[in-house]
Amino acid sequence: MSTALRFMLFFASAITCLYIGRKLKKSQIQVMDTVFWIGLSIIFVILSVFPDIATILSRLMGFQAPVNFIFLLMIFLLLIRCFFMSIRISQLEDRLRNLVEELAIRECDKNQNVTGEKNE
C-alpha cells in the first residue's frame, strides 16, 4: 500500500472520528450510528498504521493489490450500513403510518362526541 494512500486513510479516519465525536457530544447522532462510524474509522486507522494486515488479507482473498481490498472492504461495509438503514426507515414509516391512523381515529371520535353523534 502506498504511503500516500496510508496517509489519506489515516487522516480521513481521524477526521471522521473527531467529527462523529462532536456530533455525539451535541446529541445530533444516535449512539448506534456512532459505534458504526467510530468502529469503521478505527479499522481504517489500524489498516493505515499496519499495512501488512491489508497485504496479508488481500493475498489470502486473491486480490491483485491491497488497495483493491481496502476499496472493496469500504464498499461492502457501506452497503451493509445502507441495508440496515433501509430496515430502520421501513420500521419508522410503519410506526408513522400507525400513529397517523390512530390520530385520525381519535380526531374522528372527538368530533363525533362534540357533535353528539353516537357510534353504531
PDB file of N, CA and C in Angstrom:
ATOM      1  N   MET A   1       0.858  -1.167   0.000  1.00  0.00           N
ATOM      2  CA  MET A   1       0.000   0.000   0.000  1.00  0.00           C
ATOM      3  C   MET A   1       0.903   1.229   0.000  1.00  0.00           C
ATOM      4  N   SER A   2       0.589   2.168  -0.856  1.00  0.00           N
ATOM      5  CA  SER A   2       1.442   3.342  -0.992  1.00  0.00           C
ATOM      6  C   SER A   2       1.357   4.231   0.250  1.00  0.00           C
ATOM      7  N   THR A   3       2.404   5.023   0.442  1.00  0.00           N
ATOM      8  CA  THR A   3       2.455   5.936   1.588  1.00  0.00           C
ATOM      9  C   THR A   3       1.368   6.995   1.485  1.00  0.00           C
ATOM     10  N   ALA A   4       1.102   7.457   0.282  1.00  0.00           N
ATOM     11  CA  ALA A   4       0.061   8.475   0.097  1.00  0.00           C
ATOM     12  C   ALA A   4      -1.308   7.928   0.494  1.00  0.00           C
ATOM     13  N   LEU A   5      -1.615   6.695   0.090  1.00  0.00           N
ATOM     14  CA  LEU A   5      -2.894   6.087   0.465  1.00  0.00           C
ATOM     15  C   LEU A   5      -2.964   5.878   1.975  1.00  0.00           C
ATOM     16  N   ARG A   6      -1.881   5.423   2.568  1.00  0.00           N
ATOM     17  CA  ARG A   6      -1.862   5.218   4.021  1.00  0.00           C
ATOM     18  C   ARG A   6      -2.114   6.533   4.746  1.00  0.00           C
ATOM     19  N   PHE A   7      -1.481   7.609   4.289  1.00  0.00           N
ATOM     20  CA  PHE A   7      -1.662   8.915   4.925  1.00  0.00           C
ATOM     21  C   PHE A   7      -3.105   9.400   4.766  1.00  0.00           C
ATOM     22  N   MET A   8      -3.660   9.275   3.547  1.00  0.00           N
ATOM     23  CA  MET A   8      -5.038   9.721   3.315  1.00  0.00           C
ATOM     24  C   MET A   8      -6.019   8.903   4.153  1.00  0.00           C
ATOM     25  N   LEU A   9      -5.794   7.602   4.246  1.00  0.00           N
ATOM     26  CA  LEU A   9      -6.664   6.734   5.026  1.00  0.00           C
ATOM     27  C   LEU A   9      -6.618   7.102   6.508  1.00  0.00           C
ATOM     28  N   PHE A  10      -5.426   7.343   7.011  1.00  0.00           N
ATOM     29  CA  PHE A  10      -5.279   7.720   8.415  1.00  0.00           C
ATOM     30  C   PHE A  10      -5.912   9.084   8.678  1.00  0.00           C
ATOM     31  N   PHE A  11      -5.627  10.045   7.815  1.00  0.00           N
ATOM     32  CA  PHE A  11      -6.158  11.398   8.001  1.00  0.00           C
ATOM     33  C   PHE A  11      -7.683  11.414   7.927  1.00  0.00           C
ATOM     34  N   ALA A  12      -8.255  10.750   6.919  1.00  0.00           N
ATOM     35  CA  ALA A  12      -9.712  10.721   6.772  1.00  0.00           C
ATOM     36  C   ALA A  12     -10.370  10.012   7.952  1.00  0.00           C
ATOM     37  N   SER A  13      -9.754   8.945   8.432  1.00  0.00           N
ATOM     38  CA  SER A  13     -10.307   8.223   9.575  1.00  0.00           C
ATOM     39  C   SER A  13     -10.248   9.058  10.845  1.00  0.00           C
ATOM     40  N   ALA A  14      -9.161   9.745  11.065  1.00  0.00           N
ATOM     41  CA  ALA A  14      -9.034  10.593  12.251  1.00  0.00           C
ATOM     42  C   ALA A  14     -10.039  11.739  12.209  1.00  0.00           C
ATOM     43  N   ILE A  15     -10.198  12.373  11.057  1.00  0.00           N
ATOM     44  CA  ILE A  15     -11.179  13.458  10.914  1.00  0.00           C
ATOM     45  C   ILE A  15     -12.596  12.929  11.150  1.00  0.00           C
ATOM     46  N   THR A  16     -12.889  11.750  10.627  1.00  0.00           N
ATOM     47  CA  THR A  16     -14.211  11.147  10.827  1.00  0.00           C
ATOM     48  C   THR A  16     -14.476  10.894  12.309  1.00  0.00           C
ATOM     49  N   CYS A  17     -13.482  10.366  13.010  1.00  0.00           N
ATOM     50  CA  CYS A  17     -13.643  10.128  14.455  1.00  0.00           C
ATOM     51  C   CYS A  17     -13.936  11.429  15.195  1.00  0.00           C
ATOM     52  N   LEU A  18     -13.196  12.463  14.884  1.00  0.00           N
ATOM     53  CA  LEU A  18     -13.406  13.747  15.550  1.00  0.00           C
ATOM     54  C   LEU A  18     -14.782  14.322  15.234  1.00  0.00           C
ATOM     55  N   TYR A  19     -15.177  14.241  13.976  1.00  0.00           N
ATOM     56  CA  TYR A  19     -16.474  14.774  13.559  1.00  0.00           C
ATOM     57  C   TYR A  19     -17.629  14.022  14.233  1.00  0.00           C
ATOM     58  N   ILE A  20     -17.542  12.709  14.247  1.00  0.00           N
ATOM     59  CA  ILE A  20     -18.594  11.900  14.881  1.00  0.00           C
ATOM     60  C   ILE A  20     -18.626  12.161  16.381  1.00  0.00           C
ATOM     61  N   GLY A  21     -17.458  12.325  16.988  1.00  0.00           N
ATOM     62  CA  GLY A  21     -17.408  12.660  18.415  1.00  0.00           C
ATOM     63  C   GLY A  21     -18.114  13.974  18.720  1.00  0.00           C
ATOM     64  N   ARG A  22     -17.914  14.980  17.858  1.00  0.00           N
ATOM     65  CA  ARG A  22     -18.608  16.272  18.032  1.00  0.00           C
ATOM     66  C   ARG A  22     -20.113  16.121  17.888  1.00  0.00           C
ATOM     67  N   LYS A  23     -20.538  15.358  16.899  1.00  0.00           N
ATOM     68  CA  LYS A  23     -21.969  15.147  16.688  1.00  0.00           C
ATOM     69  C   LYS A  23     -22.607  14.420  17.865  1.00  0.00           C
ATOM     70  N   LEU A  24     -21.892  13.449  18.422  1.00  0.00           N
ATOM     71  CA  LEU A  24     -22.410  12.726  19.582  1.00  0.00           C
ATOM     72  C   LEU A  24     -22.498  13.642  20.795  1.00  0.00           C
ATOM     73  N   LYS A  25     -21.487  14.473  20.979  1.00  0.00           N
ATOM     74  CA  LYS A  25     -21.481  15.404  22.114  1.00  0.00           C
ATOM     75  C   LYS A  25     -22.647  16.379  22.034  1.00  0.00           C
ATOM     76  N   LYS A  26     -23.007  16.805  20.820  1.00  0.00           N
ATOM     77  CA  LYS A  26     -24.119  17.733  20.628  1.00  0.00           C
ATOM     78  C   LYS A  26     -25.458  17.007  20.527  1.00  0.00           C
ATOM     79  N   SER A  27     -25.466  15.691  20.725  1.00  0.00           N
ATOM     80  CA  SER A  27     -26.675  14.857  20.629  1.00  0.00           C
ATOM     81  C   SER A  27     -27.340  14.960  19.264  1.00  0.00           C
ATOM     82  N   GLN A  28     -26.550  15.020  18.216  1.00  0.00           N
ATOM     83  CA  GLN A  28     -27.080  15.098  16.860  1.00  0.00           C
ATOM     84  C   GLN A  28     -26.993  13.759  16.126  1.00  0.00           C
ATOM     85  N   ILE A  29     -26.541  12.719  16.822  1.00  0.00           N
ATOM     86  CA  ILE A  29     -26.419  11.400  16.215  1.00  0.00           C
ATOM     87  C   ILE A  29     -26.690  10.366  17.296  1.00  0.00           C
ATOM     88  N   GLN A  30     -27.289   9.251  16.907  1.00  0.00           N
ATOM     89  CA  GLN A  30     -27.590   8.206  17.869  1.00  0.00           C
ATOM     90  C   GLN A  30     -26.338   7.397  18.181  1.00  0.00           C
ATOM     91  N   VAL A  31     -26.356   6.765  19.332  1.00  0.00           N
ATOM     92  CA  VAL A  31     -25.186   6.033  19.797  1.00  0.00           C
ATOM     93  C   VAL A  31     -24.844   4.870  18.859  1.00  0.00           C
ATOM     94  N   MET A  32     -25.852   4.154  18.375  1.00  0.00           N
ATOM     95  CA  MET A  32     -25.569   3.026  17.488  1.00  0.00           C
ATOM     96  C   MET A  32     -24.918   3.483  16.176  1.00  0.00           C
ATOM     97  N   ASP A  33     -25.325   4.627  15.682  1.00  0.00           N
ATOM     98  CA  ASP A  33     -24.681   5.176  14.494  1.00  0.00           C
ATOM     99  C   ASP A  33     -23.231   5.548  14.797  1.00  0.00           C
ATOM    100  N   THR A  34     -23.028   6.098  15.975  1.00  0.00           N
ATOM    101  CA  THR A  34     -21.679   6.479  16.392  1.00  0.00           C
ATOM    102  C   THR A  34     -20.778   5.264  16.487  1.00  0.00           C
ATOM    103  N   VAL A  35     -21.294   4.173  17.046  1.00  0.00           N
ATOM    104  CA  VAL A  35     -20.499   2.951  17.184  1.00  0.00           C
ATOM    105  C   VAL A  35     -20.045   2.465  15.809  1.00  0.00           C
ATOM    106  N   PHE A  36     -20.945   2.486  14.836  1.00  0.00           N
ATOM    107  CA  PHE A  36     -20.573   2.045  13.491  1.00  0.00           C
ATOM    108  C   PHE A  36     -19.459   2.909  12.915  1.00  0.00           C
ATOM    109  N   TRP A  37     -19.648   4.234  12.931  1.00  0.00           N
ATOM    110  CA  TRP A  37     -18.676   5.124  12.288  1.00  0.00           C
ATOM    111  C   TRP A  37     -17.338   5.150  13.008  1.00  0.00           C
ATOM    112  N   ILE A  38     -17.361   5.129  14.317  1.00  0.00           N
ATOM    113  CA  ILE A  38     -16.083   5.100  15.065  1.00  0.00           C
ATOM    114  C   ILE A  38     -15.384   3.766  14.821  1.00  0.00           C
ATOM    115  N   GLY A  39     -16.157   2.668  14.839  1.00  0.00           N
ATOM    116  CA  GLY A  39     -15.571   1.348  14.560  1.00  0.00           C
ATOM    117  C   GLY A  39     -14.950   1.279  13.176  1.00  0.00           C
ATOM    118  N   LEU A  40     -15.658   1.811  12.189  1.00  0.00           N
ATOM    119  CA  LEU A  40     -15.130   1.840  10.829  1.00  0.00           C
ATOM    120  C   LEU A  40     -13.853   2.675  10.755  1.00  0.00           C
ATOM    121  N   SER A  41     -13.850   3.799  11.428  1.00  0.00           N
ATOM    122  CA  SER A  41     -12.660   4.656  11.438  1.00  0.00           C
ATOM    123  C   SER A  41     -11.480   3.954  12.101  1.00  0.00           C
ATOM    124  N   ILE A  42     -11.747   3.250  13.188  1.00  0.00           N
ATOM    125  CA  ILE A  42     -10.668   2.534  13.886  1.00  0.00           C
ATOM    126  C   ILE A  42     -10.095   1.431  12.991  1.00  0.00           C
ATOM    127  N   ILE A  43     -10.967   0.722  12.287  1.00  0.00           N
ATOM    128  CA  ILE A  43     -10.481  -0.311  11.360  1.00  0.00           C
ATOM    129  C   ILE A  43      -9.543   0.302  10.323  1.00  0.00           C
ATOM    130  N   PHE A  44      -9.928   1.448   9.769  1.00  0.00           N
ATOM    131  CA  PHE A  44      -9.094   2.070   8.742  1.00  0.00           C
ATOM    132  C   PHE A  44      -7.821   2.685   9.315  1.00  0.00           C
ATOM    133  N   VAL A  45      -7.859   3.155  10.549  1.00  0.00           N
ATOM    134  CA  VAL A  45      -6.629   3.630  11.189  1.00  0.00           C
ATOM    135  C   VAL A  45      -5.665   2.460  11.362  1.00  0.00           C
ATOM    136  N   ILE A  46      -6.188   1.325  11.826  1.00  0.00           N
ATOM    137  CA  ILE A  46      -5.340   0.141  12.004  1.00  0.00           C
ATOM    138  C   ILE A  46      -4.746  -0.299  10.671  1.00  0.00           C
ATOM    139  N   LEU A  47      -5.565  -0.302   9.615  1.00  0.00           N
ATOM    140  CA  LEU A  47      -5.051  -0.702   8.299  1.00  0.00           C
ATOM    141  C   LEU A  47      -4.033   0.286   7.749  1.00  0.00           C
ATOM    142  N   SER A  48      -4.168   1.573   8.108  1.00  0.00           N
ATOM    143  CA  SER A  48      -3.183   2.547   7.611  1.00  0.00           C
ATOM    144  C   SER A  48      -1.881   2.492   8.406  1.00  0.00           C
ATOM    145  N   VAL A  49      -1.972   2.186   9.690  1.00  0.00           N
ATOM    146  CA  VAL A  49      -0.759   2.102  10.517  1.00  0.00           C
ATOM    147  C   VAL A  49      -0.031   0.775  10.286  1.00  0.00           C
ATOM    148  N   PHE A  50      -0.798  -0.297  10.125  1.00  0.00           N
ATOM    149  CA  PHE A  50      -0.215  -1.621   9.898  1.00  0.00           C
ATOM    150  C   PHE A  50      -0.650  -2.132   8.514  1.00  0.00           C
ATOM    151  N   PRO A  51      -0.019  -1.668   7.443  1.00  0.00           N
ATOM    152  CA  PRO A  51      -0.449  -2.045   6.092  1.00  0.00           C
ATOM    153  C   PRO A  51      -0.236  -3.523   5.775  1.00  0.00           C
ATOM    154  N   ASP A  52       0.585  -4.199   6.567  1.00  0.00           N
ATOM    155  CA  ASP A  52       0.814  -5.626   6.319  1.00  0.00           C
ATOM    156  C   ASP A  52      -0.458  -6.439   6.518  1.00  0.00           C
ATOM    157  N   ILE A  53      -1.349  -5.971   7.393  1.00  0.00           N
ATOM    158  CA  ILE A  53      -2.623  -6.662   7.602  1.00  0.00           C
ATOM    159  C   ILE A  53      -3.413  -6.676   6.293  1.00  0.00           C
ATOM    160  N   ALA A  54      -3.489  -5.529   5.643  1.00  0.00           N
ATOM    161  CA  ALA A  54      -4.209  -5.448   4.368  1.00  0.00           C
ATOM    162  C   ALA A  54      -3.526  -6.288   3.297  1.00  0.00           C
ATOM    163  N   THR A  55      -2.208  -6.287   3.303  1.00  0.00           N
ATOM    164  CA  THR A  55      -1.460  -7.072   2.320  1.00  0.00           C
ATOM    165  C   THR A  55      -1.725  -8.564   2.497  1.00  0.00           C
ATOM    166  N   ILE A  56      -1.670  -9.033   3.741  1.00  0.00           N
ATOM    167  CA  ILE A  56      -1.902 -10.457   4.021  1.00  0.00           C
ATOM    168  C   ILE A  56      -3.333 -10.854   3.656  1.00  0.00           C
ATOM    169  N   LEU A  57      -4.294 -10.049   4.072  1.00  0.00           N
ATOM    170  CA  LEU A  57      -5.694 -10.363   3.774  1.00  0.00           C
ATOM    171  C   LEU A  57      -5.979 -10.321   2.278  1.00  0.00           C
ATOM    172  N   SER A  58      -5.381  -9.360   1.586  1.00  0.00           N
ATOM    173  CA  SER A  58      -5.612  -9.282   0.138  1.00  0.00           C
ATOM    174  C   SER A  58      -4.998 -10.480  -0.578  1.00  0.00           C
ATOM    175  N   ARG A  59      -3.851 -10.949  -0.126  1.00  0.00           N
ATOM    176  CA  ARG A  59      -3.247 -12.145  -0.735  1.00  0.00           C
ATOM    177  C   ARG A  59      -4.100 -13.381  -0.463  1.00  0.00           C
ATOM    178  N   LEU A  60      -4.592 -13.501   0.776  1.00  0.00           N
ATOM    179  CA  LEU A  60      -5.426 -14.653   1.117  1.00  0.00           C
ATOM    180  C   LEU A  60      -6.712 -14.696   0.298  1.00  0.00           C
ATOM    181  N   MET A  61      -7.250 -13.535  -0.013  1.00  0.00           N
ATOM    182  CA  MET A  61      -8.506 -13.470  -0.758  1.00  0.00           C
ATOM    183  C   MET A  61      -8.289 -13.381  -2.265  1.00  0.00           C
ATOM    184  N   GLY A  62      -7.047 -13.286  -2.702  1.00  0.00           N
ATOM    185  CA  GLY A  62      -6.748 -13.315  -4.130  1.00  0.00           C
ATOM    186  C   GLY A  62      -6.817 -11.973  -4.839  1.00  0.00           C
ATOM    187  N   PHE A  63      -6.662 -10.883  -4.119  1.00  0.00           N
ATOM    188  CA  PHE A  63      -6.674  -9.565  -4.749  1.00  0.00           C
ATOM    189  C   PHE A  63      -5.307  -9.271  -5.356  1.00  0.00           C
ATOM    190  N   GLN A  64      -5.302  -8.478  -6.425  1.00  0.00           N
ATOM    191  CA  GLN A  64      -4.059  -8.098  -7.076  1.00  0.00           C
ATOM    192  C   GLN A  64      -3.240  -7.144  -6.213  1.00  0.00           C
ATOM    193  N   ALA A  65      -3.942  -6.225  -5.529  1.00  0.00           N
ATOM    194  CA  ALA A  65      -3.259  -5.205  -4.732  1.00  0.00           C
ATOM    195  C   ALA A  65      -4.056  -4.955  -3.445  1.00  0.00           C
ATOM    196  N   PRO A  66      -3.365  -4.598  -2.376  1.00  0.00           N
ATOM    197  CA  PRO A  66      -4.057  -4.316  -1.114  1.00  0.00           C
ATOM    198  C   PRO A  66      -5.064  -3.167  -1.215  1.00  0.00           C
ATOM    199  N   VAL A  67      -4.778  -2.208  -2.106  1.00  0.00           N
ATOM    200  CA  VAL A  67      -5.696  -1.079  -2.246  1.00  0.00           C
ATOM    201  C   VAL A  67      -7.056  -1.554  -2.765  1.00  0.00           C
ATOM    202  N   ASN A  68      -7.065  -2.562  -3.607  1.00  0.00           N
ATOM    203  CA  ASN A  68      -8.334  -3.116  -4.081  1.00  0.00           C
ATOM    204  C   ASN A  68      -9.110  -3.740  -2.926  1.00  0.00           C
ATOM    205  N   PHE A  69      -8.398  -4.407  -2.043  1.00  0.00           N
ATOM    206  CA  PHE A  69      -9.037  -4.992  -0.858  1.00  0.00           C
ATOM    207  C   PHE A  69      -9.641  -3.904   0.023  1.00  0.00           C
ATOM    208  N   ILE A  70      -8.891  -2.821   0.224  1.00  0.00           N
ATOM    209  CA  ILE A  70      -9.374  -1.705   1.060  1.00  0.00           C
ATOM    210  C   ILE A  70     -10.645  -1.106   0.456  1.00  0.00           C
ATOM    211  N   PHE A  71     -10.646  -0.863  -0.850  1.00  0.00           N
ATOM    212  CA  PHE A  71     -11.819  -0.284  -1.504  1.00  0.00           C
ATOM    213  C   PHE A  71     -13.024  -1.227  -1.424  1.00  0.00           C
ATOM    214  N   LEU A  72     -12.787  -2.516  -1.649  1.00  0.00           N
ATOM    215  CA  LEU A  72     -13.878  -3.477  -1.560  1.00  0.00           C
ATOM    216  C   LEU A  72     -14.419  -3.550  -0.133  1.00  0.00           C
ATOM    217  N   LEU A  73     -13.540  -3.502   0.853  1.00  0.00           N
ATOM    218  CA  LEU A  73     -13.967  -3.505   2.251  1.00  0.00           C
ATOM    219  C   LEU A  73     -14.825  -2.281   2.552  1.00  0.00           C
ATOM    220  N   MET A  74     -14.407  -1.113   2.066  1.00  0.00           N
ATOM    221  CA  MET A  74     -15.197   0.112   2.265  1.00  0.00           C
ATOM    222  C   MET A  74     -16.580  -0.025   1.632  1.00  0.00           C
ATOM    223  N   ILE A  75     -16.616  -0.469   0.403  1.00  0.00           N
ATOM    224  CA  ILE A  75     -17.890  -0.607  -0.301  1.00  0.00           C
ATOM    225  C   ILE A  75     -18.788  -1.609   0.410  1.00  0.00           C
ATOM    226  N   PHE A  76     -18.231  -2.743   0.808  1.00  0.00           N
ATOM    227  CA  PHE A  76     -19.009  -3.777   1.479  1.00  0.00           C
ATOM    228  C   PHE A  76     -19.597  -3.269   2.796  1.00  0.00           C
ATOM    229  N   LEU A  77     -18.789  -2.610   3.614  1.00  0.00           N
ATOM    230  CA  LEU A  77     -19.280  -2.104   4.895  1.00  0.00           C
ATOM    231  C   LEU A  77     -20.344  -1.020   4.713  1.00  0.00           C
ATOM    232  N   LEU A  78     -20.169  -0.167   3.722  1.00  0.00           N
ATOM    233  CA  LEU A  78     -21.169   0.867   3.470  1.00  0.00           C
ATOM    234  C   LEU A  78     -22.468   0.287   2.915  1.00  0.00           C
ATOM    235  N   LEU A  79     -22.381  -0.772   2.142  1.00  0.00           N
ATOM    236  CA  LEU A  79     -23.598  -1.437   1.677  1.00  0.00           C
ATOM    237  C   LEU A  79     -24.352  -2.085   2.830  1.00  0.00           C
ATOM    238  N   ILE A  80     -23.624  -2.673   3.751  1.00  0.00           N
ATOM    239  CA  ILE A  80     -24.267  -3.237   4.946  1.00  0.00           C
ATOM    240  C   ILE A  80     -24.956  -2.132   5.727  1.00  0.00           C
ATOM    241  N   ARG A  81     -24.275  -1.019   5.883  1.00  0.00           N
ATOM    242  CA  ARG A  81     -24.856   0.127   6.597  1.00  0.00           C
ATOM    243  C   ARG A  81     -26.123   0.618   5.901  1.00  0.00           C
ATOM    244  N   CYS A  82     -26.081   0.696   4.592  1.00  0.00           N
ATOM    245  CA  CYS A  82     -27.236   1.134   3.809  1.00  0.00           C
ATOM    246  C   CYS A  82     -28.400   0.165   3.991  1.00  0.00           C
ATOM    247  N   PHE A  83     -28.125  -1.116   4.012  1.00  0.00           N
ATOM    248  CA  PHE A  83     -29.168  -2.121   4.220  1.00  0.00           C
ATOM    249  C   PHE A  83     -29.841  -1.939   5.580  1.00  0.00           C
ATOM    250  N   PHE A  84     -29.050  -1.780   6.632  1.00  0.00           N
ATOM    251  CA  PHE A  84     -29.626  -1.599   7.966  1.00  0.00           C
ATOM    252  C   PHE A  84     -30.392  -0.285   8.078  1.00  0.00           C
ATOM    253  N   MET A  85     -29.941   0.737   7.388  1.00  0.00           N
ATOM    254  CA  MET A  85     -30.685   1.995   7.392  1.00  0.00           C
ATOM    255  C   MET A  85     -32.012   1.834   6.657  1.00  0.00           C
ATOM    256  N   SER A  86     -32.041   1.052   5.598  1.00  0.00           N
ATOM    257  CA  SER A  86     -33.297   0.791   4.893  1.00  0.00           C
ATOM    258  C   SER A  86     -34.291   0.080   5.798  1.00  0.00           C
ATOM    259  N   ILE A  87     -33.805  -0.859   6.580  1.00  0.00           N
ATOM    260  CA  ILE A  87     -34.672  -1.553   7.536  1.00  0.00           C
ATOM    261  C   ILE A  87     -35.222  -0.568   8.555  1.00  0.00           C
ATOM    262  N   ARG A  88     -34.351   0.294   9.080  1.00  0.00           N
ATOM    263  CA  ARG A  88     -34.791   1.271  10.075  1.00  0.00           C
ATOM    264  C   ARG A  88     -35.808   2.250   9.488  1.00  0.00           C
ATOM    265  N   ILE A  89     -35.587   2.684   8.267  1.00  0.00           N
ATOM    266  CA  ILE A  89     -36.525   3.603   7.612  1.00  0.00           C
ATOM    267  C   ILE A  89     -37.880   2.927   7.421  1.00  0.00           C
ATOM    268  N   SER A  90     -37.890   1.676   7.011  1.00  0.00           N
ATOM    269  CA  SER A  90     -39.153   0.947   6.841  1.00  0.00           C
ATOM    270  C   SER A  90     -39.910   0.846   8.159  1.00  0.00           C
ATOM    271  N   GLN A  91     -39.185   0.546   9.233  1.00  0.00           N
ATOM    272  CA  GLN A  91     -39.831   0.453  10.541  1.00  0.00           C
ATOM    273  C   GLN A  91     -40.397   1.802  10.963  1.00  0.00           C
ATOM    274  N   LEU A  92     -39.661   2.860  10.731  1.00  0.00           N
ATOM    275  CA  LEU A  92     -40.143   4.196  11.098  1.00  0.00           C
ATOM    276  C   LEU A  92     -41.352   4.601  10.261  1.00  0.00           C
ATOM    277  N   GLU A  93     -41.353   4.240   8.992  1.00  0.00           N
ATOM    278  CA  GLU A  93     -42.515   4.541   8.151  1.00  0.00           C
ATOM    279  C   GLU A  93     -43.755   3.810   8.648  1.00  0.00           C
ATOM    280  N   ASP A  94     -43.593   2.557   9.064  1.00  0.00           N
ATOM    281  CA  ASP A  94     -44.721   1.805   9.625  1.00  0.00           C
ATOM    282  C   ASP A  94     -45.234   2.452  10.907  1.00  0.00           C
ATOM    283  N   ARG A  95     -44.310   2.845  11.769  1.00  0.00           N
ATOM    284  CA  ARG A  95     -44.720   3.499  13.016  1.00  0.00           C
ATOM    285  C   ARG A  95     -45.424   4.815  12.741  1.00  0.00           C
ATOM    286  N   LEU A  96     -44.941   5.575  11.781  1.00  0.00           N
ATOM    287  CA  LEU A  96     -45.573   6.842  11.434  1.00  0.00           C
ATOM    288  C   LEU A  96     -46.975   6.618  10.885  1.00  0.00           C
ATOM    289  N   ARG A  97     -47.127   5.633  10.017  1.00  0.00           N
ATOM    290  CA  ARG A  97     -48.446   5.324   9.463  1.00  0.00           C
ATOM    291  C   ARG A  97     -49.409   4.927  10.580  1.00  0.00           C
ATOM    292  N   ASN A  98     -48.952   4.097  11.515  1.00  0.00           N
ATOM    293  CA  ASN A  98     -49.801   3.691  12.638  1.00  0.00           C
ATOM    294  C   ASN A  98     -50.188   4.884  13.500  1.00  0.00           C
ATOM    295  N   LEU A  99     -49.248   5.767  13.749  1.00  0.00           N
ATOM    296  CA  LEU A  99     -49.560   6.958  14.556  1.00  0.00           C
ATOM    297  C   LEU A  99     -50.565   7.870  13.861  1.00  0.00           C
ATOM    298  N   VAL A 100     -50.419   8.043  12.555  1.00  0.00           N
ATOM    299  CA  VAL A 100     -51.352   8.885  11.802  1.00  0.00           C
ATOM    300  C   VAL A 100     -52.747   8.262  11.823  1.00  0.00           C
ATOM    301  N   GLU A 101     -52.823   6.948  11.654  1.00  0.00           N
ATOM    302  CA  GLU A 101     -54.125   6.275  11.701  1.00  0.00           C
ATOM    303  C   GLU A 101     -54.771   6.426  13.076  1.00  0.00           C
ATOM    304  N   GLU A 102     -53.983   6.242  14.128  1.00  0.00           N
ATOM    305  CA  GLU A 102     -54.511   6.376  15.487  1.00  0.00           C
ATOM    306  C   GLU A 102     -54.977   7.807  15.751  1.00  0.00           C
ATOM    307  N   LEU A 103     -54.214   8.772  15.305  1.00  0.00           N
ATOM    308  CA  LEU A 103     -54.596  10.173  15.473  1.00  0.00           C
ATOM    309  C   LEU A 103     -55.883  10.486  14.711  1.00  0.00           C
ATOM    310  N   ALA A 104     -56.026   9.951  13.510  1.00  0.00           N
ATOM    311  CA  ALA A 104     -57.240  10.172  12.730  1.00  0.00           C
ATOM    312  C   ALA A 104     -58.453   9.569  13.433  1.00  0.00           C
ATOM    313  N   ILE A 105     -58.292   8.383  14.010  1.00  0.00           N
ATOM    314  CA  ILE A 105     -59.399   7.747  14.741  1.00  0.00           C
ATOM    315  C   ILE A 105     -59.782   8.573  15.957  1.00  0.00           C
ATOM    316  N   ARG A 106     -58.789   9.046  16.686  1.00  0.00           N
ATOM    317  CA  ARG A 106     -59.072   9.873  17.874  1.00  0.00           C
ATOM    318  C   ARG A 106     -59.776  11.172  17.483  1.00  0.00           C
ATOM    319  N   GLU A 107     -59.324  11.798  16.412  1.00  0.00           N
ATOM    320  CA  GLU A 107     -59.958  13.034  15.950  1.00  0.00           C
ATOM    321  C   GLU A 107     -61.401  12.774  15.526  1.00  0.00           C
ATOM    322  N   CYS A 108     -61.635  11.664  14.861  1.00  0.00           N
ATOM    323  CA  CYS A 108     -62.983  11.315  14.428  1.00  0.00           C
ATOM    324  C   CYS A 108     -63.883  11.087  15.637  1.00  0.00           C
ATOM    325  N   ASP A 109     -63.377  10.349  16.630  1.00  0.00           N
ATOM    326  CA  ASP A 109     -64.149  10.119  17.863  1.00  0.00           C
ATOM    327  C   ASP A 109     -64.418  11.422  18.585  1.00  0.00           C
ATOM    328  N   LYS A 110     -63.427  12.274  18.643  1.00  0.00           N
ATOM    329  CA  LYS A 110     -63.570  13.565  19.321  1.00  0.00           C
ATOM    330  C   LYS A 110     -64.634  14.419  18.640  1.00  0.00           C
ATOM    331  N   ASN A 111     -64.602  14.464  17.311  1.00  0.00           N
ATOM    332  CA  ASN A 111     -65.582  15.248  16.558  1.00  0.00           C
ATOM    333  C   ASN A 111     -66.988  14.683  16.715  1.00  0.00           C
ATOM    334  N   GLN A 112     -67.104  13.372  16.779  1.00  0.00           N
ATOM    335  CA  GLN A 112     -68.415  12.756  16.954  1.00  0.00           C
ATOM    336  C   GLN A 112     -68.972  13.044  18.347  1.00  0.00           C
ATOM    337  N   ASN A 113     -68.108  13.047  19.349  1.00  0.00           N
ATOM    338  CA  ASN A 113     -68.552  13.336  20.716  1.00  0.00           C
ATOM    339  C   ASN A 113     -68.979  14.789  20.858  1.00  0.00           C
ATOM    340  N   VAL A 114     -68.320  15.684  20.171  1.00  0.00           N
ATOM    341  CA  VAL A 114     -68.656  17.106  20.247  1.00  0.00           C
ATOM    342  C   VAL A 114     -69.996  17.373  19.570  1.00  0.00           C
ATOM    343  N   THR A 115     -70.242  16.745  18.442  1.00  0.00           N
ATOM    344  CA  THR A 115     -71.489  16.981  17.712  1.00  0.00           C
ATOM    345  C   THR A 115     -72.653  16.179  18.296  1.00  0.00           C
ATOM    346  N   GLY A 116     -72.392  15.250  19.191  1.00  0.00           N
ATOM    347  CA  GLY A 116     -73.439  14.496  19.847  1.00  0.00           C
ATOM    348  C   GLY A 116     -73.849  13.257  19.089  1.00  0.00           C
ATOM    349  N   GLU A 117     -73.136  12.900  18.049  1.00  0.00           N
ATOM    350  CA  GLU A 117     -73.463  11.692  17.314  1.00  0.00           C
ATOM    351  C   GLU A 117     -72.969  10.492  18.095  1.00  0.00           C
ATOM    352  N   LYS A 118     -73.672   9.369  17.947  1.00  0.00           N
ATOM    353  CA  LYS A 118     -73.272   8.149  18.621  1.00  0.00           C
ATOM    354  C   LYS A 118     -72.696   7.180  17.596  1.00  0.00           C
ATOM    355  N   ASN A 119     -71.699   6.431  18.067  1.00  0.00           N
ATOM    356  CA  ASN A 119     -71.122   5.398  17.221  1.00  0.00           C
ATOM    357  C   ASN A 119     -72.046   4.197  17.216  1.00  0.00           C
ATOM    358  N   GLU A 120     -72.277   3.634  16.066  1.00  0.00           N
ATOM    359  CA  GLU A 120     -73.141   2.459  15.968  1.00  0.00           C
ATOM    360  C   GLU A 120     -72.365   1.279  15.497  1.00  0.00           C
TER     361      GLU A 120
END
